[in-house]
N, C-alpha and C. Protein backbone atom coordinates (compact mmCIF):
# COMPACT_ATOMS: atom_id res chain seq x y z
N UNK A 1 11.23 -19.74 29.61
CA UNK A 1 10.98 -19.53 28.20
C UNK A 1 10.11 -18.29 27.96
N UNK A 2 9.08 -18.12 28.78
CA UNK A 2 8.20 -16.96 28.64
C UNK A 2 8.96 -15.66 28.87
N UNK A 3 9.83 -15.63 29.88
CA UNK A 3 10.62 -14.42 30.15
C UNK A 3 11.55 -14.11 28.99
N UNK A 4 12.16 -15.14 28.41
CA UNK A 4 13.04 -14.93 27.27
C UNK A 4 12.26 -14.39 26.08
N UNK A 5 11.09 -14.94 25.82
CA UNK A 5 10.26 -14.46 24.72
C UNK A 5 9.84 -13.01 24.93
N UNK A 6 9.52 -12.65 26.16
CA UNK A 6 9.13 -11.27 26.46
C UNK A 6 10.31 -10.32 26.22
N UNK A 7 11.52 -10.73 26.65
CA UNK A 7 12.72 -9.91 26.42
C UNK A 7 12.98 -9.75 24.92
N UNK A 8 12.80 -10.82 24.17
CA UNK A 8 12.96 -10.78 22.71
C UNK A 8 12.02 -9.72 22.12
N UNK A 9 10.75 -9.77 22.52
CA UNK A 9 9.77 -8.82 21.99
C UNK A 9 10.05 -7.40 22.45
N UNK A 10 10.52 -7.22 23.67
CA UNK A 10 10.86 -5.88 24.15
C UNK A 10 12.02 -5.29 23.35
N UNK A 11 13.01 -6.11 23.02
CA UNK A 11 14.12 -5.64 22.18
C UNK A 11 13.61 -5.28 20.79
N UNK A 12 12.71 -6.08 20.25
CA UNK A 12 12.14 -5.81 18.94
C UNK A 12 11.36 -4.49 18.95
N UNK A 13 10.63 -4.24 20.01
CA UNK A 13 9.91 -2.96 20.13
C UNK A 13 10.91 -1.81 20.16
N UNK A 14 12.03 -1.99 20.85
CA UNK A 14 13.08 -0.97 20.85
C UNK A 14 13.58 -0.70 19.43
N UNK A 15 13.76 -1.76 18.66
CA UNK A 15 14.17 -1.60 17.26
C UNK A 15 13.10 -0.86 16.46
N UNK A 16 11.84 -1.21 16.69
CA UNK A 16 10.74 -0.53 15.99
C UNK A 16 10.73 0.97 16.32
N UNK A 17 10.95 1.32 17.58
CA UNK A 17 10.99 2.74 17.97
C UNK A 17 12.13 3.46 17.25
N UNK A 18 13.31 2.84 17.17
CA UNK A 18 14.44 3.48 16.49
C UNK A 18 14.17 3.64 15.00
N UNK A 19 13.59 2.62 14.39
CA UNK A 19 13.25 2.71 12.97
C UNK A 19 12.20 3.80 12.76
N UNK A 20 11.19 3.85 13.60
CA UNK A 20 10.13 4.86 13.52
C UNK A 20 10.74 6.26 13.60
N UNK A 21 11.64 6.46 14.52
CA UNK A 21 12.30 7.76 14.67
C UNK A 21 13.09 8.10 13.41
N UNK A 22 13.86 7.13 12.90
CA UNK A 22 14.62 7.36 11.67
C UNK A 22 13.73 7.68 10.49
N UNK A 23 12.61 6.99 10.37
CA UNK A 23 11.67 7.26 9.28
C UNK A 23 11.08 8.66 9.38
N UNK A 24 10.78 9.10 10.58
CA UNK A 24 10.23 10.44 10.76
C UNK A 24 11.24 11.52 10.43
N UNK A 25 12.50 11.34 10.82
CA UNK A 25 13.54 12.30 10.48
C UNK A 25 13.76 12.31 8.96
N UNK A 26 13.81 11.14 8.36
CA UNK A 26 13.97 11.03 6.91
C UNK A 26 12.82 11.75 6.20
N UNK A 27 11.60 11.51 6.65
CA UNK A 27 10.43 12.12 6.02
C UNK A 27 10.49 13.64 6.12
N UNK A 28 10.87 14.15 7.27
CA UNK A 28 10.95 15.60 7.45
C UNK A 28 11.97 16.21 6.50
N UNK A 29 13.09 15.53 6.29
CA UNK A 29 14.14 16.05 5.43
C UNK A 29 13.82 15.90 3.94
N UNK A 30 13.12 14.83 3.57
CA UNK A 30 12.92 14.50 2.16
C UNK A 30 11.48 14.61 1.66
N UNK A 31 10.56 14.79 2.57
CA UNK A 31 9.12 14.91 2.24
C UNK A 31 8.53 13.66 1.61
N UNK A 32 9.19 12.53 1.82
CA UNK A 32 8.66 11.23 1.40
C UNK A 32 9.35 10.16 2.23
N UNK A 33 8.78 8.98 2.25
CA UNK A 33 9.37 7.85 2.97
C UNK A 33 10.41 7.17 2.09
N UNK A 34 11.42 6.57 2.69
CA UNK A 34 12.42 5.85 1.89
C UNK A 34 11.82 4.60 1.26
N UNK A 35 12.43 4.15 0.19
CA UNK A 35 12.00 2.93 -0.47
C UNK A 35 12.33 1.71 0.37
N UNK A 36 13.51 1.74 1.00
CA UNK A 36 13.96 0.64 1.86
C UNK A 36 14.47 1.19 3.18
N UNK A 37 14.48 0.37 4.21
CA UNK A 37 15.01 0.79 5.50
C UNK A 37 16.52 0.99 5.45
N UNK A 38 17.20 0.33 4.53
CA UNK A 38 18.65 0.46 4.42
C UNK A 38 19.06 1.91 4.15
N UNK A 39 18.17 2.71 3.57
CA UNK A 39 18.46 4.12 3.32
C UNK A 39 18.68 4.88 4.63
N UNK A 40 18.20 4.33 5.73
CA UNK A 40 18.36 4.99 7.03
C UNK A 40 19.72 4.71 7.66
N UNK A 41 20.52 3.85 7.05
CA UNK A 41 21.81 3.48 7.64
C UNK A 41 22.96 4.32 7.10
N UNK A 42 22.68 5.26 6.20
CA UNK A 42 23.73 6.11 5.63
C UNK A 42 23.57 7.54 6.13
N UNK A 43 24.59 8.33 5.93
CA UNK A 43 24.59 9.74 6.34
C UNK A 43 23.40 10.45 5.71
N UNK A 44 22.72 11.30 6.40
CA UNK A 44 22.97 11.78 7.76
C UNK A 44 22.20 11.02 8.85
N UNK A 45 21.58 9.90 8.51
CA UNK A 45 20.69 9.23 9.47
C UNK A 45 21.44 8.26 10.39
N UNK A 46 22.34 7.49 9.85
CA UNK A 46 23.22 6.59 10.60
C UNK A 46 22.50 5.66 11.57
N UNK A 47 21.41 5.08 11.15
CA UNK A 47 20.75 4.07 11.96
C UNK A 47 21.60 2.81 11.91
N UNK A 48 21.86 2.20 13.05
CA UNK A 48 22.67 0.99 13.11
C UNK A 48 21.98 -0.11 12.31
N UNK A 49 22.67 -0.72 11.34
CA UNK A 49 22.06 -1.79 10.54
C UNK A 49 21.51 -2.94 11.39
N UNK A 50 22.06 -3.16 12.57
CA UNK A 50 21.58 -4.24 13.44
C UNK A 50 20.14 -3.99 13.88
N UNK A 51 19.72 -2.74 13.91
CA UNK A 51 18.35 -2.39 14.32
C UNK A 51 17.33 -2.89 13.30
N UNK A 52 17.77 -3.12 12.08
CA UNK A 52 16.87 -3.54 11.01
C UNK A 52 16.57 -5.03 11.04
N UNK A 53 17.11 -5.73 12.05
CA UNK A 53 16.90 -7.17 12.18
C UNK A 53 16.40 -7.50 13.58
N UNK A 54 15.76 -8.64 13.69
CA UNK A 54 15.32 -9.14 14.99
C UNK A 54 16.51 -9.74 15.72
N UNK A 55 16.33 -10.12 16.96
CA UNK A 55 17.39 -10.78 17.73
C UNK A 55 17.82 -12.08 17.09
N UNK A 56 16.94 -12.68 16.33
CA UNK A 56 17.23 -13.95 15.66
C UNK A 56 17.83 -13.76 14.27
N UNK A 57 18.09 -12.50 13.89
CA UNK A 57 18.72 -12.21 12.61
C UNK A 57 17.79 -12.08 11.43
N UNK A 58 16.49 -12.15 11.67
CA UNK A 58 15.51 -11.99 10.59
C UNK A 58 15.35 -10.50 10.27
N UNK A 59 15.25 -10.18 9.00
CA UNK A 59 15.07 -8.80 8.57
C UNK A 59 13.66 -8.34 8.94
N UNK A 60 13.56 -7.16 9.52
CA UNK A 60 12.27 -6.57 9.84
C UNK A 60 11.64 -6.09 8.53
N UNK A 61 10.40 -6.50 8.30
CA UNK A 61 9.71 -6.12 7.08
C UNK A 61 9.30 -4.65 7.11
N UNK A 62 9.28 -4.04 5.94
CA UNK A 62 8.91 -2.63 5.80
C UNK A 62 8.17 -2.46 4.49
N UNK A 63 7.07 -1.73 4.56
CA UNK A 63 6.30 -1.46 3.35
C UNK A 63 5.68 -0.08 3.46
N UNK A 64 5.83 0.72 2.43
CA UNK A 64 5.20 2.04 2.36
C UNK A 64 3.75 1.82 1.95
N UNK A 65 2.82 2.38 2.73
CA UNK A 65 1.39 2.21 2.47
C UNK A 65 0.78 3.43 1.79
N UNK A 66 1.43 4.58 1.93
CA UNK A 66 0.92 5.82 1.38
C UNK A 66 1.98 6.90 1.54
N UNK A 67 1.62 8.13 1.23
CA UNK A 67 2.58 9.22 1.33
C UNK A 67 3.21 9.34 2.71
N UNK A 68 2.43 9.11 3.74
CA UNK A 68 2.92 9.30 5.11
C UNK A 68 2.61 8.11 6.01
N UNK A 69 2.34 6.97 5.41
CA UNK A 69 2.00 5.77 6.19
C UNK A 69 2.90 4.61 5.78
N UNK A 70 3.23 3.79 6.76
CA UNK A 70 4.06 2.62 6.50
C UNK A 70 3.72 1.54 7.52
N UNK A 71 4.27 0.36 7.30
CA UNK A 71 4.14 -0.69 8.29
C UNK A 71 5.48 -1.40 8.45
N UNK A 72 5.70 -1.87 9.68
CA UNK A 72 6.86 -2.69 10.02
C UNK A 72 6.33 -4.07 10.39
N UNK A 73 7.02 -5.11 9.94
CA UNK A 73 6.54 -6.48 10.13
C UNK A 73 7.61 -7.34 10.77
N UNK A 74 7.18 -8.20 11.68
CA UNK A 74 8.11 -9.12 12.34
C UNK A 74 7.33 -10.23 13.03
N UNK A 75 8.06 -11.25 13.44
CA UNK A 75 7.49 -12.35 14.21
C UNK A 75 7.59 -12.01 15.69
N UNK A 76 6.43 -11.99 16.36
CA UNK A 76 6.36 -11.71 17.79
C UNK A 76 6.19 -13.02 18.54
N UNK A 77 6.86 -13.15 19.66
CA UNK A 77 6.80 -14.38 20.45
C UNK A 77 5.70 -14.34 21.51
N UNK A 78 5.28 -13.14 21.89
CA UNK A 78 4.24 -12.99 22.91
C UNK A 78 3.25 -11.92 22.47
N UNK A 79 2.14 -11.83 23.17
CA UNK A 79 1.18 -10.76 22.97
C UNK A 79 1.44 -9.68 24.02
N UNK A 80 1.37 -8.42 23.63
CA UNK A 80 1.45 -7.35 24.62
C UNK A 80 0.11 -6.66 24.79
N UNK A 81 -0.92 -7.20 24.17
CA UNK A 81 -2.24 -6.58 24.22
C UNK A 81 -2.98 -6.93 25.50
N UNK A 82 -3.01 -8.18 25.83
CA UNK A 82 -3.72 -8.60 27.04
C UNK A 82 -2.87 -9.59 27.83
N UNK A 83 -1.85 -9.08 28.51
CA UNK A 83 -1.00 -10.00 29.28
C UNK A 83 -1.81 -10.70 30.36
N UNK A 84 -1.61 -11.99 30.48
CA UNK A 84 -2.41 -12.77 31.42
C UNK A 84 -1.95 -12.63 32.87
N UNK A 85 -0.81 -11.98 33.10
CA UNK A 85 -0.34 -11.84 34.47
C UNK A 85 -0.56 -10.45 35.06
N UNK A 86 -1.21 -9.58 34.31
CA UNK A 86 -1.51 -8.24 34.80
C UNK A 86 -0.34 -7.28 34.74
N UNK A 87 0.81 -7.70 34.23
CA UNK A 87 1.98 -6.84 34.13
C UNK A 87 1.86 -5.99 32.87
N UNK A 88 2.09 -4.70 33.02
CA UNK A 88 2.05 -3.80 31.87
C UNK A 88 3.27 -4.07 30.99
N UNK A 89 3.06 -4.21 29.70
CA UNK A 89 4.16 -4.54 28.81
C UNK A 89 4.62 -3.32 28.03
N UNK A 90 5.85 -3.36 27.57
CA UNK A 90 6.48 -2.27 26.85
C UNK A 90 5.84 -2.10 25.47
N UNK A 91 5.58 -0.86 25.08
CA UNK A 91 5.14 -0.56 23.73
C UNK A 91 3.71 -0.85 23.39
N UNK A 92 2.88 -1.15 24.38
CA UNK A 92 1.51 -1.56 24.07
C UNK A 92 0.71 -0.43 23.41
N UNK A 93 0.99 0.83 23.74
CA UNK A 93 0.22 1.92 23.15
C UNK A 93 0.55 2.11 21.67
N UNK A 94 1.83 2.10 21.34
CA UNK A 94 2.25 2.38 19.97
C UNK A 94 2.39 1.13 19.11
N UNK A 95 2.79 0.02 19.72
CA UNK A 95 3.07 -1.20 18.98
C UNK A 95 2.28 -2.39 19.53
N UNK A 96 0.95 -2.32 19.59
CA UNK A 96 0.18 -3.47 20.10
C UNK A 96 0.27 -4.65 19.13
N UNK A 97 0.47 -5.83 19.67
CA UNK A 97 0.61 -7.01 18.81
C UNK A 97 0.22 -8.27 19.56
N UNK A 98 -0.21 -9.25 18.81
CA UNK A 98 -0.43 -10.60 19.31
C UNK A 98 0.82 -11.41 18.98
N UNK A 99 0.90 -12.62 19.48
CA UNK A 99 1.99 -13.52 19.11
C UNK A 99 1.81 -13.94 17.65
N UNK A 100 2.91 -14.11 16.94
CA UNK A 100 2.87 -14.49 15.54
C UNK A 100 3.38 -13.37 14.65
N UNK A 101 3.44 -13.63 13.37
CA UNK A 101 3.93 -12.64 12.41
C UNK A 101 2.85 -11.59 12.21
N UNK A 102 3.22 -10.32 12.43
CA UNK A 102 2.26 -9.23 12.26
C UNK A 102 2.95 -8.02 11.67
N UNK A 103 2.17 -7.25 10.92
CA UNK A 103 2.61 -5.97 10.38
C UNK A 103 1.86 -4.88 11.14
N UNK A 104 2.62 -3.92 11.65
CA UNK A 104 2.04 -2.85 12.47
C UNK A 104 2.14 -1.53 11.72
N UNK A 105 1.00 -0.93 11.47
CA UNK A 105 0.89 0.30 10.68
C UNK A 105 1.20 1.52 11.54
N UNK A 106 1.90 2.48 10.94
CA UNK A 106 2.22 3.74 11.61
C UNK A 106 2.03 4.90 10.63
N UNK A 107 1.87 6.09 11.20
CA UNK A 107 1.75 7.33 10.44
C UNK A 107 2.87 8.26 10.89
N UNK A 108 3.43 9.01 9.96
CA UNK A 108 4.50 9.96 10.29
C UNK A 108 4.00 10.93 11.37
N UNK A 109 4.88 11.27 12.31
CA UNK A 109 4.52 12.13 13.46
C UNK A 109 3.83 13.41 13.03
N UNK A 110 4.36 14.06 12.02
CA UNK A 110 3.83 15.33 11.55
C UNK A 110 2.35 15.20 11.22
N UNK A 111 1.98 14.07 10.68
CA UNK A 111 0.60 13.82 10.30
C UNK A 111 -0.27 13.46 11.51
N UNK A 112 0.37 13.08 12.61
CA UNK A 112 -0.36 12.75 13.84
C UNK A 112 -0.39 13.94 14.78
N UNK A 113 0.21 15.06 14.36
CA UNK A 113 0.28 16.22 15.24
C UNK A 113 1.38 16.08 16.28
N UNK A 114 2.43 15.37 15.93
CA UNK A 114 3.51 15.09 16.87
C UNK A 114 4.65 16.08 16.80
N UNK A 115 5.78 15.72 17.39
CA UNK A 115 6.88 16.65 17.64
C UNK A 115 7.85 16.86 16.48
N UNK A 116 7.59 16.34 15.30
CA UNK A 116 8.60 16.39 14.25
C UNK A 116 8.99 17.82 13.88
N UNK A 117 8.05 18.74 13.83
CA UNK A 117 8.37 20.12 13.48
C UNK A 117 9.27 20.75 14.53
N UNK A 118 9.11 20.41 15.78
CA UNK A 118 9.93 20.96 16.85
C UNK A 118 11.37 20.51 16.74
N UNK A 119 11.62 19.35 16.16
CA UNK A 119 12.97 18.83 16.02
C UNK A 119 13.83 19.71 15.11
N UNK A 120 13.20 20.41 14.18
CA UNK A 120 13.95 21.14 13.17
C UNK A 120 13.81 22.65 13.30
N UNK A 121 13.28 23.14 14.41
CA UNK A 121 13.18 24.58 14.63
C UNK A 121 14.52 25.11 15.13
N UNK A 122 14.86 26.33 14.71
CA UNK A 122 16.12 26.94 15.16
C UNK A 122 16.01 27.41 16.59
């Protein structure tokens, strides 16, 4: 059961990474965050709609917090902050979470000094 829960959370982290990437590309092109995540599923972004849901079919929550800040929310089955077996878990640096429903805040890459500008250079 624990292994299955960990795999569930690892897949969810993968979805969060894809959504984060889509949001950053959208922000670079439009200079604002989308109102809904569904805006990322149309041209030119083409994010797979399945990424917007958990493995159990629950919609991943999304809320704009400011001009360049947002949060993604979901139910986590395990904690990746302090694993009791000493195994390093996926996504702990960017997506630290405890078990239970949590919203994880993020800032657009450009505002963090990240690679977004390099993506659009000729």
